């Protein structure tokens, strides 16, 4: 009967690659949060539009990407985009898939923030002669940011965890390091444990940073 002995000795030579994998994961996650925010803002505004076709288009986007597994979207971006002439690296394909998927969730987060702004705020802006864009920029968005700040931080954590699926399309992130190192060293338990700890530390650091920044930006929320 084989007895298991915990040892990190075989993993040490791969720790340099882990540092690179962490940077790839962070780059993918931060780029995704930025791009999905931009897409989410556009579609959140469209969902509030008076034009029925625009509302239907935005709703179709949200419903399709929220009800399609992220892995399927990543496979589509990686394998199908070259068929129509769009050749991208694994990182670019992963970024496209992640942005489209999480952009749908970001749309709903931002839409909730827009709905939370009292309609009287819009009327007050119009009474001052402001354009719709000026009202959105100077009156609405500052209030929306305050409303969605906490969900936004939680969404970033979800994106970091979701980025592990990009290893399926050859993105060299933490999950890819975990799989490669485990198969090379046959120390699967130790490798998986290190990857889990790294993900947990990343998410906790982001959560604590979110709390610290939130207290600085919104001191009356303490």
C-alpha atoms as a PDB file:
ATOM      1  CA  UNK A   1       0.000   0.000   0.000  1.00  0.00           C
ATOM      2  CA  UNK A   2       1.478   3.342  -1.089  1.00  0.00           C
ATOM      3  CA  UNK A   3       1.799   6.083   1.531  1.00  0.00           C
ATOM      4  CA  UNK A   4       1.573   9.708   0.514  1.00  0.00           C
ATOM      5  CA  UNK A   5       4.197  12.176   1.751  1.00  0.00           C
ATOM      6  CA  UNK A   6       3.715  15.892   1.276  1.00  0.00           C
ATOM      7  CA  UNK A   7       6.690  17.550  -0.460  1.00  0.00           C
ATOM      8  CA  UNK A   8       7.175  20.818  -2.327  1.00  0.00           C
ATOM      9  CA  UNK A   9      10.714  20.054  -3.462  1.00  0.00           C
ATOM     10  CA  UNK A  10       9.682  19.041  -6.964  1.00  0.00           C
ATOM     11  CA  UNK A  11       7.521  22.171  -7.335  1.00  0.00           C
ATOM     12  CA  UNK A  12      10.251  24.717  -6.498  1.00  0.00           C
ATOM     13  CA  UNK A  13      11.798  24.823 -10.019  1.00  0.00           C
ATOM     14  CA  UNK A  14       8.379  25.787 -11.424  1.00  0.00           C
ATOM     15  CA  UNK A  15       7.735  28.741  -9.108  1.00  0.00           C
ATOM     16  CA  UNK A  16       9.293  31.180 -11.577  1.00  0.00           C
ATOM     17  CA  UNK A  17       6.713  30.127 -14.143  1.00  0.00           C
ATOM     18  CA  UNK A  18       4.016  30.595 -11.509  1.00  0.00           C
ATOM     19  CA  UNK A  19       4.965  34.277 -11.165  1.00  0.00           C
ATOM     20  CA  UNK A  20       4.465  34.732 -14.898  1.00  0.00           C
ATOM     21  CA  UNK A  21       1.153  32.870 -14.708  1.00  0.00           C
ATOM     22  CA  UNK A  22      -0.050  35.195 -11.923  1.00  0.00           C
ATOM     23  CA  UNK A  23       0.788  38.249 -14.065  1.00  0.00           C
ATOM     24  CA  UNK A  24      -1.113  36.747 -17.004  1.00  0.00           C
ATOM     25  CA  UNK A  25      -4.135  36.083 -14.789  1.00  0.00           C
ATOM     26  CA  UNK A  26      -4.079  39.640 -13.436  1.00  0.00           C
ATOM     27  CA  UNK A  27      -3.642  41.148 -16.906  1.00  0.00           C
ATOM     28  CA  UNK A  28      -6.544  39.106 -18.256  1.00  0.00           C
ATOM     29  CA  UNK A  29      -8.780  39.982 -15.300  1.00  0.00           C
ATOM     30  CA  UNK A  30      -8.039  43.719 -15.206  1.00  0.00           C
ATOM     31  CA  UNK A  31      -8.428  44.066 -18.975  1.00  0.00           C
ATOM     32  CA  UNK A  32     -11.708  42.156 -18.780  1.00  0.00           C
ATOM     33  CA  UNK A  33     -13.105  44.338 -15.993  1.00  0.00           C
ATOM     34  CA  UNK A  34     -12.246  47.496 -17.944  1.00  0.00           C
ATOM     35  CA  UNK A  35     -13.666  46.330 -21.271  1.00  0.00           C
ATOM     36  CA  UNK A  36     -16.741  44.706 -19.735  1.00  0.00           C
ATOM     37  CA  UNK A  37     -17.448  47.946 -17.875  1.00  0.00           C
ATOM     38  CA  UNK A  38     -17.373  49.862 -21.150  1.00  0.00           C
ATOM     39  CA  UNK A  39     -19.631  47.333 -22.877  1.00  0.00           C
ATOM     40  CA  UNK A  40     -21.890  47.124 -19.845  1.00  0.00           C
ATOM     41  CA  UNK A  41     -22.370  50.892 -19.752  1.00  0.00           C
ATOM     42  CA  UNK A  42     -23.354  51.000 -23.433  1.00  0.00           C
ATOM     43  CA  UNK A  43     -25.846  48.150 -23.152  1.00  0.00           C
ATOM     44  CA  UNK A  44     -27.208  49.371 -19.807  1.00  0.00           C
ATOM     45  CA  UNK A  45     -28.041  52.702 -21.450  1.00  0.00           C
ATOM     46  CA  UNK A  46     -29.539  50.871 -24.433  1.00  0.00           C
ATOM     47  CA  UNK A  47     -31.745  48.811 -22.117  1.00  0.00           C
ATOM     48  CA  UNK A  48     -33.109  52.074 -20.751  1.00  0.00           C
ATOM     49  CA  UNK A  49     -33.650  53.522 -24.227  1.00  0.00           C
ATOM     50  CA  UNK A  50     -37.049  54.641 -25.451  1.00  0.00           C
ATOM     51  CA  UNK A  51     -36.367  52.828 -28.723  1.00  0.00           C
ATOM     52  CA  UNK A  52     -37.866  49.335 -28.613  1.00  0.00           C
ATOM     53  CA  UNK A  53     -35.396  47.828 -31.173  1.00  0.00           C
ATOM     54  CA  UNK A  54     -32.438  49.090 -29.125  1.00  0.00           C
ATOM     55  CA  UNK A  55     -33.927  47.668 -25.926  1.00  0.00           C
ATOM     56  CA  UNK A  56     -34.555  44.333 -27.627  1.00  0.00           C
ATOM     57  CA  UNK A  57     -31.014  44.241 -29.011  1.00  0.00           C
ATOM     58  CA  UNK A  58     -29.493  44.950 -25.599  1.00  0.00           C
ATOM     59  CA  UNK A  59     -31.776  42.421 -23.911  1.00  0.00           C
ATOM     60  CA  UNK A  60     -30.877  39.754 -26.488  1.00  0.00           C
ATOM     61  CA  UNK A  61     -27.167  40.336 -25.832  1.00  0.00           C
ATOM     62  CA  UNK A  62     -27.601  40.039 -22.067  1.00  0.00           C
ATOM     63  CA  UNK A  63     -29.803  36.957 -22.200  1.00  0.00           C
ATOM     64  CA  UNK A  64     -27.607  35.137 -24.727  1.00  0.00           C
ATOM     65  CA  UNK A  65     -24.276  35.630 -22.983  1.00  0.00           C
ATOM     66  CA  UNK A  66     -25.631  35.183 -19.454  1.00  0.00           C
ATOM     67  CA  UNK A  67     -27.202  31.864 -20.432  1.00  0.00           C
ATOM     68  CA  UNK A  68     -24.234  30.495 -22.402  1.00  0.00           C
ATOM     69  CA  UNK A  69     -21.391  28.793 -20.485  1.00  0.00           C
ATOM     70  CA  UNK A  70     -18.176  30.803 -20.459  1.00  0.00           C
ATOM     71  CA  UNK A  71     -16.224  27.803 -21.709  1.00  0.00           C
ATOM     72  CA  UNK A  72     -18.429  27.584 -24.815  1.00  0.00           C
ATOM     73  CA  UNK A  73     -17.867  31.287 -25.516  1.00  0.00           C
ATOM     74  CA  UNK A  74     -14.109  30.845 -25.110  1.00  0.00           C
ATOM     75  CA  UNK A  75     -14.097  27.894 -27.508  1.00  0.00           C
ATOM     76  CA  UNK A  76     -16.089  29.913 -30.013  1.00  0.00           C
ATOM     77  CA  UNK A  77     -13.677  32.854 -29.801  1.00  0.00           C
ATOM     78  CA  UNK A  78     -10.618  30.610 -30.092  1.00  0.00           C
ATOM     79  CA  UNK A  79     -11.741  28.091 -32.708  1.00  0.00           C
ATOM     80  CA  UNK A  80     -14.414  29.877 -34.733  1.00  0.00           C
ATOM     81  CA  UNK A  81     -13.029  33.397 -35.112  1.00  0.00           C
ATOM     82  CA  UNK A  82     -10.161  32.196 -37.383  1.00  0.00           C
ATOM     83  CA  UNK A  83     -12.782  30.579 -39.644  1.00  0.00           C
ATOM     84  CA  UNK A  84     -14.147  34.046 -40.456  1.00  0.00           C
ATOM     85  CA  UNK A  85     -10.667  35.498 -40.849  1.00  0.00           C
ATOM     86  CA  UNK A  86     -10.074  36.887 -37.354  1.00  0.00           C
ATOM     87  CA  UNK A  87      -6.834  35.352 -36.144  1.00  0.00           C
ATOM     88  CA  UNK A  88      -6.027  36.061 -32.517  1.00  0.00           C
ATOM     89  CA  UNK A  89      -3.588  34.798 -29.931  1.00  0.00           C
ATOM     90  CA  UNK A  90      -4.898  32.620 -27.091  1.00  0.00           C
ATOM     91  CA  UNK A  91      -4.737  35.630 -24.758  1.00  0.00           C
ATOM     92  CA  UNK A  92      -6.701  37.814 -27.194  1.00  0.00           C
ATOM     93  CA  UNK A  93      -9.284  35.082 -27.748  1.00  0.00           C
ATOM     94  CA  UNK A  94      -9.659  34.630 -24.008  1.00  0.00           C
ATOM     95  CA  UNK A  95     -10.059  38.373 -23.528  1.00  0.00           C
ATOM     96  CA  UNK A  96     -12.778  38.567 -26.185  1.00  0.00           C
ATOM     97  CA  UNK A  97     -14.689  35.649 -24.687  1.00  0.00           C
ATOM     98  CA  UNK A  98     -14.335  36.901 -21.123  1.00  0.00           C
ATOM     99  CA  UNK A  99     -15.369  40.440 -22.080  1.00  0.00           C
ATOM    100  CA  UNK A 100     -18.488  39.336 -23.949  1.00  0.00           C
ATOM    101  CA  UNK A 101     -19.527  36.995 -21.133  1.00  0.00           C
ATOM    102  CA  UNK A 102     -18.930  39.305 -18.195  1.00  0.00           C
ATOM    103  CA  UNK A 103     -20.087  42.352 -20.139  1.00  0.00           C
ATOM    104  CA  UNK A 104     -23.594  40.889 -19.944  1.00  0.00           C
ATOM    105  CA  UNK A 105     -23.382  40.678 -16.156  1.00  0.00           C
ATOM    106  CA  UNK A 106     -21.875  44.146 -15.999  1.00  0.00           C
ATOM    107  CA  UNK A 107     -24.800  45.432 -18.025  1.00  0.00           C
ATOM    108  CA  UNK A 108     -27.233  44.288 -15.360  1.00  0.00           C
ATOM    109  CA  UNK A 109     -25.102  45.694 -12.543  1.00  0.00           C
ATOM    110  CA  UNK A 110     -24.935  49.093 -14.237  1.00  0.00           C
ATOM    111  CA  UNK A 111     -28.610  48.997 -15.176  1.00  0.00           C
ATOM    112  CA  UNK A 112     -29.483  48.438 -11.528  1.00  0.00           C
ATOM    113  CA  UNK A 113     -27.365  51.468 -10.687  1.00  0.00           C
ATOM    114  CA  UNK A 114     -29.139  53.563 -13.327  1.00  0.00           C
ATOM    115  CA  UNK A 115     -32.553  52.487 -12.075  1.00  0.00           C
ATOM    116  CA  UNK A 116     -31.550  53.453  -8.515  1.00  0.00           C
ATOM    117  CA  UNK A 117     -31.084  57.098  -9.567  1.00  0.00           C
ATOM    118  CA  UNK A 118     -34.394  58.940  -8.952  1.00  0.00           C
ATOM    119  CA  UNK A 119     -36.108  60.172 -12.110  1.00  0.00           C
ATOM    120  CA  UNK A 120     -36.199  63.638 -10.595  1.00  0.00           C
ATOM    121  CA  UNK A 121     -32.428  63.831 -11.021  1.00  0.00           C
ATOM    122  CA  UNK A 122     -32.865  63.594 -14.792  1.00  0.00           C
ATOM    123  CA  UNK A 123     -35.611  66.215 -14.771  1.00  0.00           C
ATOM    124  CA  UNK A 124     -33.439  68.542 -12.701  1.00  0.00           C
ATOM    125  CA  UNK A 125     -30.642  68.204 -15.235  1.00  0.00           C
ATOM    126  CA  UNK A 126     -32.963  68.953 -18.143  1.00  0.00           C
ATOM    127  CA  UNK A 127     -34.327  71.984 -16.306  1.00  0.00           C
ATOM    128  CA  UNK A 128     -30.778  73.344 -16.160  1.00  0.00           C
ATOM    129  CA  UNK A 129     -30.394  72.985 -19.914  1.00  0.00           C
ATOM    130  CA  UNK A 130     -28.050  69.992 -19.743  1.00  0.00           C
ATOM    131  CA  UNK A 131     -27.864  67.464 -22.569  1.00  0.00           C
ATOM    132  CA  UNK A 132     -28.512  63.771 -21.975  1.00  0.00           C
ATOM    133  CA  UNK A 133     -24.760  63.096 -22.123  1.00  0.00           C
ATOM    134  CA  UNK A 134     -24.030  65.833 -19.574  1.00  0.00           C
ATOM    135  CA  UNK A 135     -26.715  64.483 -17.253  1.00  0.00           C
ATOM    136  CA  UNK A 136     -25.257  60.997 -17.556  1.00  0.00           C
ATOM    137  CA  UNK A 137     -21.699  62.172 -16.930  1.00  0.00           C
ATOM    138  CA  UNK A 138     -22.162  64.767 -14.198  1.00  0.00           C
ATOM    139  CA  UNK A 139     -25.297  63.640 -12.347  1.00  0.00           C
ATOM    140  CA  UNK A 140     -26.092  60.007 -13.005  1.00  0.00           C
ATOM    141  CA  UNK A 141     -22.729  58.204 -13.203  1.00  0.00           C
ATOM    142  CA  UNK A 142     -21.342  59.556  -9.881  1.00  0.00           C
ATOM    143  CA  UNK A 143     -24.418  58.158  -8.127  1.00  0.00           C
ATOM    144  CA  UNK A 144     -24.259  54.912 -10.103  1.00  0.00           C
ATOM    145  CA  UNK A 145     -20.622  54.346  -9.102  1.00  0.00           C
ATOM    146  CA  UNK A 146     -21.545  54.692  -5.451  1.00  0.00           C
ATOM    147  CA  UNK A 147     -24.389  52.183  -5.854  1.00  0.00           C
ATOM    148  CA  UNK A 148     -22.473  49.549  -7.805  1.00  0.00           C
ATOM    149  CA  UNK A 149     -19.102  49.873  -6.061  1.00  0.00           C
ATOM    150  CA  UNK A 150     -19.492  46.779  -3.874  1.00  0.00           C
ATOM    151  CA  UNK A 151     -20.969  44.550  -6.632  1.00  0.00           C
ATOM    152  CA  UNK A 152     -18.180  45.745  -8.922  1.00  0.00           C
ATOM    153  CA  UNK A 153     -15.530  44.502  -6.515  1.00  0.00           C
ATOM    154  CA  UNK A 154     -17.293  41.165  -6.217  1.00  0.00           C
ATOM    155  CA  UNK A 155     -17.478  40.965  -9.996  1.00  0.00           C
ATOM    156  CA  UNK A 156     -13.705  41.422 -10.291  1.00  0.00           C
ATOM    157  CA  UNK A 157     -13.201  38.477  -7.960  1.00  0.00           C
ATOM    158  CA  UNK A 158     -15.611  36.421 -10.088  1.00  0.00           C
ATOM    159  CA  UNK A 159     -13.659  37.399 -13.195  1.00  0.00           C
ATOM    160  CA  UNK A 160     -10.352  36.305 -11.644  1.00  0.00           C
ATOM    161  CA  UNK A 161     -11.828  32.922 -10.747  1.00  0.00           C
ATOM    162  CA  UNK A 162     -13.522  32.632 -14.143  1.00  0.00           C
ATOM    163  CA  UNK A 163     -10.256  33.361 -15.942  1.00  0.00           C
ATOM    164  CA  UNK A 164      -9.082  29.884 -14.937  1.00  0.00           C
ATOM    165  CA  UNK A 165     -11.194  28.540 -17.803  1.00  0.00           C
ATOM    166  CA  UNK A 166      -8.977  30.325 -20.335  1.00  0.00           C
ATOM    167  CA  UNK A 167      -6.371  27.628 -19.709  1.00  0.00           C
ATOM    168  CA  UNK A 168      -8.612  25.446 -21.888  1.00  0.00           C
ATOM    169  CA  UNK A 169      -7.619  27.566 -24.905  1.00  0.00           C
ATOM    170  CA  UNK A 170      -3.883  27.602 -24.099  1.00  0.00           C
ATOM    171  CA  UNK A 171      -3.691  30.819 -22.067  1.00  0.00           C
ATOM    172  CA  UNK A 172      -0.729  30.431 -19.705  1.00  0.00           C
ATOM    173  CA  UNK A 173      -2.505  31.480 -16.530  1.00  0.00           C
ATOM    174  CA  UNK A 174      -2.454  29.999 -13.031  1.00  0.00           C
ATOM    175  CA  UNK A 175      -4.734  27.107 -13.974  1.00  0.00           C
ATOM    176  CA  UNK A 176      -2.496  26.239 -16.947  1.00  0.00           C
ATOM    177  CA  UNK A 177       0.558  26.310 -14.658  1.00  0.00           C
ATOM    178  CA  UNK A 178      -1.270  24.007 -12.257  1.00  0.00           C
ATOM    179  CA  UNK A 179      -2.029  21.471 -14.977  1.00  0.00           C
ATOM    180  CA  UNK A 180       1.436  21.569 -16.551  1.00  0.00           C
ATOM    181  CA  UNK A 181       3.344  21.404 -13.279  1.00  0.00           C
ATOM    182  CA  UNK A 182       1.147  18.633 -11.947  1.00  0.00           C
ATOM    183  CA  UNK A 183       1.666  16.484 -15.038  1.00  0.00           C
ATOM    184  CA  UNK A 184       5.432  17.143 -15.115  1.00  0.00           C
ATOM    185  CA  UNK A 185       6.099  16.421 -11.437  1.00  0.00           C
ATOM    186  CA  UNK A 186       3.240  14.044 -10.619  1.00  0.00           C
ATOM    187  CA  UNK A 187       2.813  16.077  -7.414  1.00  0.00           C
ATOM    188  CA  UNK A 188      -0.809  16.908  -8.147  1.00  0.00           C
ATOM    189  CA  UNK A 189      -1.905  17.519  -4.575  1.00  0.00           C
ATOM    190  CA  UNK A 190       0.869  20.012  -3.867  1.00  0.00           C
ATOM    191  CA  UNK A 191       0.436  21.747  -7.217  1.00  0.00           C
ATOM    192  CA  UNK A 192      -3.332  22.082  -6.901  1.00  0.00           C
ATOM    193  CA  UNK A 193      -2.942  23.291  -3.317  1.00  0.00           C
ATOM    194  CA  UNK A 194      -0.486  26.030  -4.345  1.00  0.00           C
ATOM    195  CA  UNK A 195      -2.798  27.157  -7.153  1.00  0.00           C
ATOM    196  CA  UNK A 196      -5.763  27.290  -4.764  1.00  0.00           C
ATOM    197  CA  UNK A 197      -3.773  29.336  -2.250  1.00  0.00           C
ATOM    198  CA  UNK A 198      -2.622  31.770  -4.948  1.00  0.00           C
ATOM    199  CA  UNK A 199      -6.199  32.297  -6.160  1.00  0.00           C
ATOM    200  CA  UNK A 200      -7.388  32.768  -2.563  1.00  0.00           C
ATOM    201  CA  UNK A 201      -4.641  35.300  -1.810  1.00  0.00           C
ATOM    202  CA  UNK A 202      -5.326  37.263  -5.011  1.00  0.00           C
ATOM    203  CA  UNK A 203      -9.043  37.452  -4.274  1.00  0.00           C
ATOM    204  CA  UNK A 204      -8.514  38.403  -0.643  1.00  0.00           C
ATOM    205  CA  UNK A 205      -6.048  41.160  -1.569  1.00  0.00           C
ATOM    206  CA  UNK A 206      -8.540  42.558  -4.057  1.00  0.00           C
ATOM    207  CA  UNK A 207     -11.355  42.367  -1.530  1.00  0.00           C
ATOM    208  CA  UNK A 208      -9.334  44.194   1.142  1.00  0.00           C
ATOM    209  CA  UNK A 209      -8.225  46.792  -1.422  1.00  0.00           C
ATOM    210  CA  UNK A 210     -11.849  47.293  -2.437  1.00  0.00           C
ATOM    211  CA  UNK A 211     -12.855  47.848   1.172  1.00  0.00           C
ATOM    212  CA  UNK A 212      -9.992  50.292   1.792  1.00  0.00           C
ATOM    213  CA  UNK A 213     -10.711  52.342  -1.335  1.00  0.00           C
ATOM    214  CA  UNK A 214     -14.438  52.271  -0.606  1.00  0.00           C
ATOM    215  CA  UNK A 215     -13.901  53.712   2.861  1.00  0.00           C
ATOM    216  CA  UNK A 216     -11.755  56.492   1.361  1.00  0.00           C
ATOM    217  CA  UNK A 217     -14.262  57.313  -1.392  1.00  0.00           C
ATOM    218  CA  UNK A 218     -17.439  56.908   0.652  1.00  0.00           C
ATOM    219  CA  UNK A 219     -16.528  57.633   4.301  1.00  0.00           C
ATOM    220  CA  UNK A 220     -20.178  58.114   5.306  1.00  0.00           C
ATOM    221  CA  UNK A 221     -20.869  54.453   4.447  1.00  0.00           C
ATOM    222  CA  UNK A 222     -18.818  53.174   7.396  1.00  0.00           C
END
